Amino acid sequence: MNTDITASAKPEYPVVERNPPFTKVVGNFNTLDYLRFVTITGVSVTVGYLSGIKPGLKGPSMVTGGLIGLMGGFMYAYQNSAGRLMGFFPNEGEVAHYQKRGFNN
């Protein structure tokens, strides 16, 4: 089973990097990615706290919800950043940035 998205779908936008490394994707996070990351984490902490039924479970539920939100928020931001670099999401800012720096991948 081939799980490479680039094998089955063609990018709709200019490709900055066909297979970007982890450091480049994380370095490409923009303000909206960080905002989504923090929002998902914050909502998950709140939901975790509110789902603790007994007073002794509120703290552990909040921590667990926060960890789940932290991982989910990071993966969502990572997906958006990688999608922009690979040309699957609108990426005018990335194209301008990397053309200005002289990178052609």
PDB file of N, CA and C in Angstrom:
ATOM      1  N   MET A   1       0.846  -1.179   0.000  1.00  0.00           N
ATOM      2  CA  MET A   1       0.000   0.000   0.000  1.00  0.00           C
ATOM      3  C   MET A   1       0.890   1.241   0.000  1.00  0.00           C
ATOM      4  N   ASN A   2       0.691   2.093  -0.953  1.00  0.00           N
ATOM      5  CA  ASN A   2       1.474   3.309  -1.064  1.00  0.00           C
ATOM      6  C   ASN A   2       0.770   4.427  -0.304  1.00  0.00           C
ATOM      7  N   THR A   3       1.434   4.971   0.727  1.00  0.00           N
ATOM      8  CA  THR A   3       0.830   6.030   1.537  1.00  0.00           C
ATOM      9  C   THR A   3       1.346   7.408   1.175  1.00  0.00           C
ATOM     10  N   ASP A   4       2.129   7.532   0.131  1.00  0.00           N
ATOM     11  CA  ASP A   4       2.674   8.814  -0.290  1.00  0.00           C
ATOM     12  C   ASP A   4       1.601   9.601  -1.034  1.00  0.00           C
ATOM     13  N   ILE A   5       1.174  10.724  -0.444  1.00  0.00           N
ATOM     14  CA  ILE A   5       0.106  11.521  -1.052  1.00  0.00           C
ATOM     15  C   ILE A   5       0.532  12.086  -2.401  1.00  0.00           C
ATOM     16  N   THR A   6       1.822  12.349  -2.552  1.00  0.00           N
ATOM     17  CA  THR A   6       2.284  12.939  -3.802  1.00  0.00           C
ATOM     18  C   THR A   6       2.202  11.952  -4.960  1.00  0.00           C
ATOM     19  N   ALA A   7       2.059  10.656  -4.663  1.00  0.00           N
ATOM     20  CA  ALA A   7       1.947   9.662  -5.722  1.00  0.00           C
ATOM     21  C   ALA A   7       0.544   9.647  -6.326  1.00  0.00           C
ATOM     22  N   SER A   8      -0.463  10.062  -5.546  1.00  0.00           N
ATOM     23  CA  SER A   8      -1.830   9.965  -6.034  1.00  0.00           C
ATOM     24  C   SER A   8      -2.473  11.320  -6.337  1.00  0.00           C
ATOM     25  N   ALA A   9      -1.943  12.393  -5.793  1.00  0.00           N
ATOM     26  CA  ALA A   9      -2.539  13.714  -5.996  1.00  0.00           C
ATOM     27  C   ALA A   9      -1.485  14.685  -6.511  1.00  0.00           C
ATOM     28  N   LYS A  10      -1.901  15.519  -7.418  1.00  0.00           N
ATOM     29  CA  LYS A  10      -0.992  16.527  -7.963  1.00  0.00           C
ATOM     30  C   LYS A  10      -1.205  17.842  -7.220  1.00  0.00           C
ATOM     31  N   PRO A  11      -0.116  18.530  -6.872  1.00  0.00           N
ATOM     32  CA  PRO A  11      -0.256  19.812  -6.175  1.00  0.00           C
ATOM     33  C   PRO A  11      -0.945  20.854  -7.052  1.00  0.00           C
ATOM     34  N   GLU A  12      -1.797  21.651  -6.418  1.00  0.00           N
ATOM     35  CA  GLU A  12      -2.507  22.711  -7.136  1.00  0.00           C
ATOM     36  C   GLU A  12      -1.735  24.024  -7.125  1.00  0.00           C
ATOM     37  N   TYR A  13      -0.749  24.146  -6.262  1.00  0.00           N
ATOM     38  CA  TYR A  13       0.012  25.377  -6.085  1.00  0.00           C
ATOM     39  C   TYR A  13       1.488  25.096  -6.347  1.00  0.00           C
ATOM     40  N   PRO A  14       2.314  26.130  -6.491  1.00  0.00           N
ATOM     41  CA  PRO A  14       3.743  25.900  -6.736  1.00  0.00           C
ATOM     42  C   PRO A  14       4.385  25.097  -5.602  1.00  0.00           C
ATOM     43  N   VAL A  15       5.240  24.163  -5.960  1.00  0.00           N
ATOM     44  CA  VAL A  15       5.921  23.317  -4.977  1.00  0.00           C
ATOM     45  C   VAL A  15       7.203  24.014  -4.532  1.00  0.00           C
ATOM     46  N   VAL A  16       7.324  24.213  -3.229  1.00  0.00           N
ATOM     47  CA  VAL A  16       8.540  24.788  -2.665  1.00  0.00           C
ATOM     48  C   VAL A  16       9.527  23.669  -2.353  1.00  0.00           C
ATOM     49  N   GLU A  17       9.021  22.588  -1.757  1.00  0.00           N
ATOM     50  CA  GLU A  17       9.841  21.431  -1.389  1.00  0.00           C
ATOM     51  C   GLU A  17       8.962  20.194  -1.496  1.00  0.00           C
ATOM     52  N   ARG A  18       9.347  19.256  -2.336  1.00  0.00           N
ATOM     53  CA  ARG A  18       8.519  18.063  -2.567  1.00  0.00           C
ATOM     54  C   ARG A  18       8.435  17.171  -1.334  1.00  0.00           C
ATOM     55  N   ASN A  19       9.541  17.005  -0.641  1.00  0.00           N
ATOM     56  CA  ASN A  19       9.581  16.161   0.554  1.00  0.00           C
ATOM     57  C   ASN A  19      10.336  16.917   1.650  1.00  0.00           C
ATOM     58  N   PRO A  20       9.665  17.874   2.329  1.00  0.00           N
ATOM     59  CA  PRO A  20      10.364  18.730   3.286  1.00  0.00           C
ATOM     60  C   PRO A  20      10.756  17.982   4.560  1.00  0.00           C
ATOM     61  N   PRO A  21      11.965  18.245   5.079  1.00  0.00           N
ATOM     62  CA  PRO A  21      12.366  17.624   6.346  1.00  0.00           C
ATOM     63  C   PRO A  21      11.622  18.252   7.527  1.00  0.00           C
ATOM     64  N   PHE A  22      11.645  17.563   8.658  1.00  0.00           N
ATOM     65  CA  PHE A  22      10.937  17.993   9.868  1.00  0.00           C
ATOM     66  C   PHE A  22      11.311  19.418  10.266  1.00  0.00           C
ATOM     67  N   THR A  23      12.588  19.719  10.274  1.00  0.00           N
ATOM     68  CA  THR A  23      13.033  21.044  10.725  1.00  0.00           C
ATOM     69  C   THR A  23      12.525  22.165   9.811  1.00  0.00           C
ATOM     70  N   LYS A  24      12.454  21.904   8.518  1.00  0.00           N
ATOM     71  CA  LYS A  24      11.966  22.920   7.584  1.00  0.00           C
ATOM     72  C   LYS A  24      10.465  23.140   7.755  1.00  0.00           C
ATOM     73  N   VAL A  25       9.728  22.060   8.003  1.00  0.00           N
ATOM     74  CA  VAL A  25       8.278  22.187   8.195  1.00  0.00           C
ATOM     75  C   VAL A  25       7.980  22.972   9.467  1.00  0.00           C
ATOM     76  N   VAL A  26       8.656  22.631  10.564  1.00  0.00           N
ATOM     77  CA  VAL A  26       8.421  23.339  11.828  1.00  0.00           C
ATOM     78  C   VAL A  26       8.892  24.788  11.711  1.00  0.00           C
ATOM     79  N   GLY A  27       9.986  25.026  11.031  1.00  0.00           N
ATOM     80  CA  GLY A  27      10.467  26.386  10.835  1.00  0.00           C
ATOM     81  C   GLY A  27       9.557  27.216   9.950  1.00  0.00           C
ATOM     82  N   ASN A  28       8.689  26.564   9.205  1.00  0.00           N
ATOM     83  CA  ASN A  28       7.765  27.244   8.298  1.00  0.00           C
ATOM     84  C   ASN A  28       6.416  27.562   8.958  1.00  0.00           C
ATOM     85  N   PHE A  29       6.238  27.207  10.237  1.00  0.00           N
ATOM     86  CA  PHE A  29       4.988  27.540  10.931  1.00  0.00           C
ATOM     87  C   PHE A  29       4.779  29.042  10.865  1.00  0.00           C
ATOM     88  N   ASN A  30       3.549  29.457  10.550  1.00  0.00           N
ATOM     89  CA  ASN A  30       3.235  30.885  10.549  1.00  0.00           C
ATOM     90  C   ASN A  30       2.370  31.216  11.764  1.00  0.00           C
ATOM     91  N   THR A  31       1.969  32.465  11.888  1.00  0.00           N
ATOM     92  CA  THR A  31       1.203  32.909  13.049  1.00  0.00           C
ATOM     93  C   THR A  31      -0.103  32.146  13.189  1.00  0.00           C
ATOM     94  N   LEU A  32      -0.777  31.888  12.093  1.00  0.00           N
ATOM     95  CA  LEU A  32      -2.043  31.161  12.141  1.00  0.00           C
ATOM     96  C   LEU A  32      -1.827  29.722  12.609  1.00  0.00           C
ATOM     97  N   ASP A  33      -0.712  29.094  12.210  1.00  0.00           N
ATOM     98  CA  ASP A  33      -0.413  27.740  12.688  1.00  0.00           C
ATOM     99  C   ASP A  33      -0.238  27.731  14.202  1.00  0.00           C
ATOM    100  N   TYR A  34       0.522  28.698  14.725  1.00  0.00           N
ATOM    101  CA  TYR A  34       0.724  28.773  16.178  1.00  0.00           C
ATOM    102  C   TYR A  34      -0.580  29.081  16.897  1.00  0.00           C
ATOM    103  N   LEU A  35      -1.405  29.940  16.307  1.00  0.00           N
ATOM    104  CA  LEU A  35      -2.692  30.269  16.920  1.00  0.00           C
ATOM    105  C   LEU A  35      -3.582  29.033  17.006  1.00  0.00           C
ATOM    106  N   ARG A  36      -3.648  28.261  15.940  1.00  0.00           N
ATOM    107  CA  ARG A  36      -4.446  27.028  15.950  1.00  0.00           C
ATOM    108  C   ARG A  36      -3.892  26.024  16.963  1.00  0.00           C
ATOM    109  N   PHE A  37      -2.574  25.910  17.014  1.00  0.00           N
ATOM    110  CA  PHE A  37      -1.891  25.013  17.933  1.00  0.00           C
ATOM    111  C   PHE A  37      -2.277  25.346  19.382  1.00  0.00           C
ATOM    112  N   VAL A  38      -2.162  26.620  19.756  1.00  0.00           N
ATOM    113  CA  VAL A  38      -2.468  27.051  21.120  1.00  0.00           C
ATOM    114  C   VAL A  38      -3.968  26.920  21.409  1.00  0.00           C
ATOM    115  N   THR A  39      -4.807  27.237  20.437  1.00  0.00           N
ATOM    116  CA  THR A  39      -6.259  27.149  20.637  1.00  0.00           C
ATOM    117  C   THR A  39      -6.696  25.714  20.872  1.00  0.00           C
ATOM    118  N   ILE A  40      -6.215  24.792  20.059  1.00  0.00           N
ATOM    119  CA  ILE A  40      -6.582  23.376  20.231  1.00  0.00           C
ATOM    120  C   ILE A  40      -6.104  22.873  21.582  1.00  0.00           C
ATOM    121  N   THR A  41      -4.897  23.253  21.984  1.00  0.00           N
ATOM    122  CA  THR A  41      -4.377  22.837  23.289  1.00  0.00           C
ATOM    123  C   THR A  41      -5.229  23.413  24.414  1.00  0.00           C
ATOM    124  N   GLY A  42      -5.544  24.696  24.342  1.00  0.00           N
ATOM    125  CA  GLY A  42      -6.341  25.337  25.387  1.00  0.00           C
ATOM    126  C   GLY A  42      -7.740  24.758  25.514  1.00  0.00           C
ATOM    127  N   VAL A  43      -8.368  24.506  24.400  1.00  0.00           N
ATOM    128  CA  VAL A  43      -9.715  23.912  24.428  1.00  0.00           C
ATOM    129  C   VAL A  43      -9.649  22.504  25.023  1.00  0.00           C
ATOM    130  N   SER A  44      -8.612  21.756  24.688  1.00  0.00           N
ATOM    131  CA  SER A  44      -8.478  20.393  25.203  1.00  0.00           C
ATOM    132  C   SER A  44      -8.238  20.383  26.710  1.00  0.00           C
ATOM    133  N   VAL A  45      -7.468  21.330  27.216  1.00  0.00           N
ATOM    134  CA  VAL A  45      -7.258  21.426  28.669  1.00  0.00           C
ATOM    135  C   VAL A  45      -8.587  21.709  29.364  1.00  0.00           C
ATOM    136  N   THR A  46      -9.354  22.625  28.816  1.00  0.00           N
ATOM    137  CA  THR A  46     -10.647  22.975  29.401  1.00  0.00           C
ATOM    138  C   THR A  46     -11.611  21.798  29.375  1.00  0.00           C
ATOM    139  N   VAL A  47     -11.683  21.122  28.244  1.00  0.00           N
ATOM    140  CA  VAL A  47     -12.573  19.955  28.133  1.00  0.00           C
ATOM    141  C   VAL A  47     -12.124  18.857  29.096  1.00  0.00           C
ATOM    142  N   GLY A  48     -10.815  18.655  29.211  1.00  0.00           N
ATOM    143  CA  GLY A  48     -10.300  17.665  30.154  1.00  0.00           C
ATOM    144  C   GLY A  48     -10.687  17.992  31.583  1.00  0.00           C
ATOM    145  N   TYR A  49     -10.570  19.253  31.955  1.00  0.00           N
ATOM    146  CA  TYR A  49     -10.937  19.666  33.311  1.00  0.00           C
ATOM    147  C   TYR A  49     -12.427  19.462  33.557  1.00  0.00           C
ATOM    148  N   LEU A  50     -13.248  19.868  32.595  1.00  0.00           N
ATOM    149  CA  LEU A  50     -14.693  19.749  32.771  1.00  0.00           C
ATOM    150  C   LEU A  50     -15.188  18.310  32.719  1.00  0.00           C
ATOM    151  N   SER A  51     -14.429  17.431  32.109  1.00  0.00           N
ATOM    152  CA  SER A  51     -14.861  16.033  32.026  1.00  0.00           C
ATOM    153  C   SER A  51     -14.461  15.231  33.254  1.00  0.00           C
ATOM    154  N   GLY A  52     -13.661  15.805  34.146  1.00  0.00           N
ATOM    155  CA  GLY A  52     -13.338  15.128  35.405  1.00  0.00           C
ATOM    156  C   GLY A  52     -14.551  15.157  36.305  1.00  0.00           C
ATOM    157  N   ILE A  53     -15.165  14.003  36.511  1.00  0.00           N
ATOM    158  CA  ILE A  53     -16.437  13.947  37.237  1.00  0.00           C
ATOM    159  C   ILE A  53     -16.229  14.180  38.735  1.00  0.00           C
ATOM    160  N   LYS A  54     -15.279  13.495  39.315  1.00  0.00           N
ATOM    161  CA  LYS A  54     -15.014  13.647  40.746  1.00  0.00           C
ATOM    162  C   LYS A  54     -13.925  14.698  40.950  1.00  0.00           C
ATOM    163  N   PRO A  55     -13.931  15.361  42.092  1.00  0.00           N
ATOM    164  CA  PRO A  55     -12.914  16.395  42.344  1.00  0.00           C
ATOM    165  C   PRO A  55     -11.472  15.861  42.234  1.00  0.00           C
ATOM    166  N   GLY A  56     -11.221  14.636  42.582  1.00  0.00           N
ATOM    167  CA  GLY A  56      -9.879  14.067  42.504  1.00  0.00           C
ATOM    168  C   GLY A  56      -9.450  13.729  41.094  1.00  0.00           C
ATOM    169  N   LEU A  57     -10.376  13.726  40.161  1.00  0.00           N
ATOM    170  CA  LEU A  57     -10.046  13.388  38.775  1.00  0.00           C
ATOM    171  C   LEU A  57      -9.895  14.601  37.868  1.00  0.00           C
ATOM    172  N   LYS A  58     -10.252  15.766  38.364  1.00  0.00           N
ATOM    173  CA  LYS A  58     -10.197  16.955  37.509  1.00  0.00           C
ATOM    174  C   LYS A  58      -8.775  17.274  37.054  1.00  0.00           C
ATOM    175  N   GLY A  59      -7.815  17.192  37.956  1.00  0.00           N
ATOM    176  CA  GLY A  59      -6.419  17.485  37.610  1.00  0.00           C
ATOM    177  C   GLY A  59      -5.853  16.514  36.585  1.00  0.00           C
ATOM    178  N   PRO A  60      -5.914  15.197  36.861  1.00  0.00           N
ATOM    179  CA  PRO A  60      -5.401  14.241  35.879  1.00  0.00           C
ATOM    180  C   PRO A  60      -6.135  14.305  34.540  1.00  0.00           C
ATOM    181  N   SER A  61      -7.448  14.555  34.569  1.00  0.00           N
ATOM    182  CA  SER A  61      -8.198  14.684  33.319  1.00  0.00           C
ATOM    183  C   SER A  61      -7.743  15.909  32.536  1.00  0.00           C
ATOM    184  N   MET A  62      -7.460  16.991  33.251  1.00  0.00           N
ATOM    185  CA  MET A  62      -7.011  18.214  32.601  1.00  0.00           C
ATOM    186  C   MET A  62      -5.641  18.003  31.954  1.00  0.00           C
ATOM    187  N   VAL A  63      -4.728  17.326  32.665  1.00  0.00           N
ATOM    188  CA  VAL A  63      -3.402  17.069  32.118  1.00  0.00           C
ATOM    189  C   VAL A  63      -3.489  16.158  30.896  1.00  0.00           C
ATOM    190  N   THR A  64      -4.294  15.114  30.999  1.00  0.00           N
ATOM    191  CA  THR A  64      -4.452  14.194  29.875  1.00  0.00           C
ATOM    192  C   THR A  64      -5.057  14.906  28.669  1.00  0.00           C
ATOM    193  N   GLY A  65      -6.104  15.680  28.898  1.00  0.00           N
ATOM    194  CA  GLY A  65      -6.708  16.446  27.810  1.00  0.00           C
ATOM    195  C   GLY A  65      -5.721  17.423  27.199  1.00  0.00           C
ATOM    196  N   GLY A  66      -4.912  18.054  28.046  1.00  0.00           N
ATOM    197  CA  GLY A  66      -3.909  18.997  27.553  1.00  0.00           C
ATOM    198  C   GLY A  66      -2.857  18.316  26.686  1.00  0.00           C
ATOM    199  N   LEU A  67      -2.409  17.142  27.098  1.00  0.00           N
ATOM    200  CA  LEU A  67      -1.410  16.410  26.306  1.00  0.00           C
ATOM    201  C   LEU A  67      -1.976  15.973  24.957  1.00  0.00           C
ATOM    202  N   ILE A  68      -3.213  15.509  24.985  1.00  0.00           N
ATOM    203  CA  ILE A  68      -3.858  15.114  23.732  1.00  0.00           C
ATOM    204  C   ILE A  68      -4.019  16.334  22.822  1.00  0.00           C
ATOM    205  N   GLY A  69      -4.442  17.456  23.383  1.00  0.00           N
ATOM    206  CA  GLY A  69      -4.587  18.683  22.603  1.00  0.00           C
ATOM    207  C   GLY A  69      -3.261  19.194  22.085  1.00  0.00           C
ATOM    208  N   LEU A  70      -2.208  19.075  22.888  1.00  0.00           N
ATOM    209  CA  LEU A  70      -0.881  19.505  22.471  1.00  0.00           C
ATOM    210  C   LEU A  70      -0.414  18.713  21.255  1.00  0.00           C
ATOM    211  N   MET A  71      -0.576  17.405  21.318  1.00  0.00           N
ATOM    212  CA  MET A  71      -0.168  16.565  20.186  1.00  0.00           C
ATOM    213  C   MET A  71      -1.045  16.815  18.963  1.00  0.00           C
ATOM    214  N   GLY A  72      -2.348  16.916  19.181  1.00  0.00           N
ATOM    215  CA  GLY A  72      -3.259  17.162  18.064  1.00  0.00           C
ATOM    216  C   GLY A  72      -3.037  18.521  17.429  1.00  0.00           C
ATOM    217  N   GLY A  73      -2.820  19.542  18.248  1.00  0.00           N
ATOM    218  CA  GLY A  73      -2.565  20.881  17.721  1.00  0.00           C
ATOM    219  C   GLY A  73      -1.269  20.941  16.934  1.00  0.00           C
ATOM    220  N   PHE A  74      -0.234  20.259  17.443  1.00  0.00           N
ATOM    221  CA  PHE A  74       1.032  20.237  16.724  1.00  0.00           C
ATOM    222  C   PHE A  74       0.882  19.523  15.383  1.00  0.00           C
ATOM    223  N   MET A  75       0.184  18.388  15.388  1.00  0.00           N
ATOM    224  CA  MET A  75       0.011  17.646  14.132  1.00  0.00           C
ATOM    225  C   MET A  75      -0.800  18.447  13.117  1.00  0.00           C
ATOM    226  N   TYR A  76      -1.784  19.191  13.584  1.00  0.00           N
ATOM    227  CA  TYR A  76      -2.588  20.014  12.678  1.00  0.00           C
ATOM    228  C   TYR A  76      -1.744  21.139  12.067  1.00  0.00           C
ATOM    229  N   ALA A  77      -0.941  21.805  12.902  1.00  0.00           N
ATOM    230  CA  ALA A  77      -0.069  22.865  12.407  1.00  0.00           C
ATOM    231  C   ALA A  77       0.979  22.296  11.454  1.00  0.00           C
ATOM    232  N   TYR A  78       1.517  21.130  11.784  1.00  0.00           N
ATOM    233  CA  TYR A  78       2.525  20.478  10.942  1.00  0.00           C
ATOM    234  C   TYR A  78       1.939  20.123   9.573  1.00  0.00           C
ATOM    235  N   GLN A  79       0.722  19.583   9.591  1.00  0.00           N
ATOM    236  CA  GLN A  79       0.050  19.208   8.343  1.00  0.00           C
ATOM    237  C   GLN A  79      -0.150  20.427   7.450  1.00  0.00           C
ATOM    238  N   ASN A  80      -0.592  21.544   8.020  1.00  0.00           N
ATOM    239  CA  ASN A  80      -0.802  22.756   7.230  1.00  0.00           C
ATOM    240  C   ASN A  80       0.507  23.304   6.675  1.00  0.00           C
ATOM    241  N   SER A  81       1.545  23.321   7.495  1.00  0.00           N
ATOM    242  CA  SER A  81       2.837  23.835   7.062  1.00  0.00           C
ATOM    243  C   SER A  81       3.436  22.959   5.955  1.00  0.00           C
ATOM    244  N   ALA A  82       3.403  21.645   6.153  1.00  0.00           N
ATOM    245  CA  ALA A  82       3.935  20.736   5.134  1.00  0.00           C
ATOM    246  C   ALA A  82       3.117  20.825   3.854  1.00  0.00           C
ATOM    247  N   GLY A  83       1.809  20.960   3.973  1.00  0.00           N
ATOM    248  CA  GLY A  83       0.954  21.087   2.800  1.00  0.00           C
ATOM    249  C   GLY A  83       1.267  22.328   1.983  1.00  0.00           C
ATOM    250  N   ARG A  84       1.583  23.423   2.668  1.00  0.00           N
ATOM    251  CA  ARG A  84       1.956  24.633   1.941  1.00  0.00           C
ATOM    252  C   ARG A  84       3.296  24.451   1.229  1.00  0.00           C
ATOM    253  N   LEU A  85       4.258  23.834   1.885  1.00  0.00           N
ATOM    254  CA  LEU A  85       5.568  23.621   1.255  1.00  0.00           C
ATOM    255  C   LEU A  85       5.473  22.676   0.057  1.00  0.00           C
ATOM    256  N   MET A  86       4.594  21.673   0.148  1.00  0.00           N
ATOM    257  CA  MET A  86       4.462  20.692  -0.931  1.00  0.00           C
ATOM    258  C   MET A  86       3.494  21.131  -2.019  1.00  0.00           C
ATOM    259  N   GLY A  87       2.839  22.288  -1.837  1.00  0.00           N
ATOM    260  CA  GLY A  87       1.975  22.824  -2.868  1.00  0.00           C
ATOM    261  C   GLY A  87       0.538  22.336  -2.829  1.00  0.00           C
ATOM    262  N   PHE A  88       0.114  21.752  -1.724  1.00  0.00           N
ATOM    263  CA  PHE A  88      -1.261  21.268  -1.623  1.00  0.00           C
ATOM    264  C   PHE A  88      -2.208  22.298  -1.017  1.00  0.00           C
ATOM    265  N   PHE A  89      -1.667  23.317  -0.360  1.00  0.00           N
ATOM    266  CA  PHE A  89      -2.458  24.403   0.218  1.00  0.00           C
ATOM    267  C   PHE A  89      -1.937  25.723  -0.346  1.00  0.00           C
ATOM    268  N   PRO A  90      -2.747  26.779  -0.318  1.00  0.00           N
ATOM    269  CA  PRO A  90      -2.269  28.073  -0.823  1.00  0.00           C
ATOM    270  C   PRO A  90      -0.969  28.491  -0.132  1.00  0.00           C
ATOM    271  N   ASN A  91       0.016  28.911  -0.942  1.00  0.00           N
ATOM    272  CA  ASN A  91       1.345  29.154  -0.381  1.00  0.00           C
ATOM    273  C   ASN A  91       2.059  30.362  -0.987  1.00  0.00           C
ATOM    274  N   GLU A  92       1.335  31.430  -1.206  1.00  0.00           N
ATOM    275  CA  GLU A  92       1.952  32.615  -1.811  1.00  0.00           C
ATOM    276  C   GLU A  92       3.117  33.137  -0.974  1.00  0.00           C
ATOM    277  N   GLY A  93       2.944  33.145   0.344  1.00  0.00           N
ATOM    278  CA  GLY A  93       3.994  33.649   1.225  1.00  0.00           C
ATOM    279  C   GLY A  93       5.260  32.812   1.174  1.00  0.00           C
ATOM    280  N   GLU A  94       5.113  31.495   1.163  1.00  0.00           N
ATOM    281  CA  GLU A  94       6.272  30.603   1.118  1.00  0.00           C
ATOM    282  C   GLU A  94       7.004  30.722  -0.217  1.00  0.00           C
ATOM    283  N   VAL A  95       6.250  30.789  -1.297  1.00  0.00           N
ATOM    284  CA  VAL A  95       6.877  30.909  -2.617  1.00  0.00           C
ATOM    285  C   VAL A  95       7.678  32.204  -2.690  1.00  0.00           C
ATOM    286  N   ALA A  96       7.093  33.310  -2.247  1.00  0.00           N
ATOM    287  CA  ALA A  96       7.799  34.595  -2.274  1.00  0.00           C
ATOM    288  C   ALA A  96       9.031  34.557  -1.380  1.00  0.00           C
ATOM    289  N   HIS A  97       8.903  33.961  -0.209  1.00  0.00           N
ATOM    290  CA  HIS A  97      10.020  33.902   0.743  1.00  0.00           C
ATOM    291  C   HIS A  97      11.189  33.104   0.173  1.00  0.00           C
ATOM    292  N   TYR A  98      10.910  31.927  -0.360  1.00  0.00           N
ATOM    293  CA  TYR A  98      11.994  31.073  -0.849  1.00  0.00           C
ATOM    294  C   TYR A  98      12.550  31.545  -2.195  1.00  0.00           C
ATOM    295  N   GLN A  99      11.752  32.210  -3.011  1.00  0.00           N
ATOM    296  CA  GLN A  99      12.294  32.789  -4.251  1.00  0.00           C
ATOM    297  C   GLN A  99      13.218  33.950  -3.934  1.00  0.00           C
ATOM    298  N   LYS A 100      12.862  34.725  -2.920  1.00  0.00           N
ATOM    299  CA  LYS A 100      13.680  35.865  -2.516  1.00  0.00           C
ATOM    300  C   LYS A 100      15.048  35.387  -1.995  1.00  0.00           C
ATOM    301  N   ARG A 101      15.046  34.240  -1.322  1.00  0.00           N
ATOM    302  CA  ARG A 101      16.286  33.698  -0.762  1.00  0.00           C
ATOM    303  C   ARG A 101      17.080  32.889  -1.794  1.00  0.00           C
ATOM    304  N   GLY A 102      16.497  32.646  -2.951  1.00  0.00           N
ATOM    305  CA  GLY A 102      17.213  31.971  -4.032  1.00  0.00           C
ATOM    306  C   GLY A 102      17.170  30.459  -3.991  1.00  0.00           C
ATOM    307  N   PHE A 103      16.195  29.884  -3.270  1.00  0.00           N
ATOM    308  CA  PHE A 103      16.068  28.436  -3.225  1.00  0.00           C
ATOM    309  C   PHE A 103      15.154  27.968  -4.342  1.00  0.00           C
ATOM    310  N   ASN A 104      15.582  26.993  -5.103  1.00  0.00           N
ATOM    311  CA  ASN A 104      14.748  26.371  -6.131  1.00  0.00           C
ATOM    312  C   ASN A 104      14.795  24.878  -5.927  1.00  0.00           C
ATOM    313  N   ASN A 105      13.728  24.303  -5.381  1.00  0.00           N
ATOM    314  CA  ASN A 105      13.670  22.845  -5.140  1.00  0.00           C
ATOM    315  C   ASN A 105      12.664  22.216  -6.058  1.00  0.00           C
TER     316      ASN A 105
END
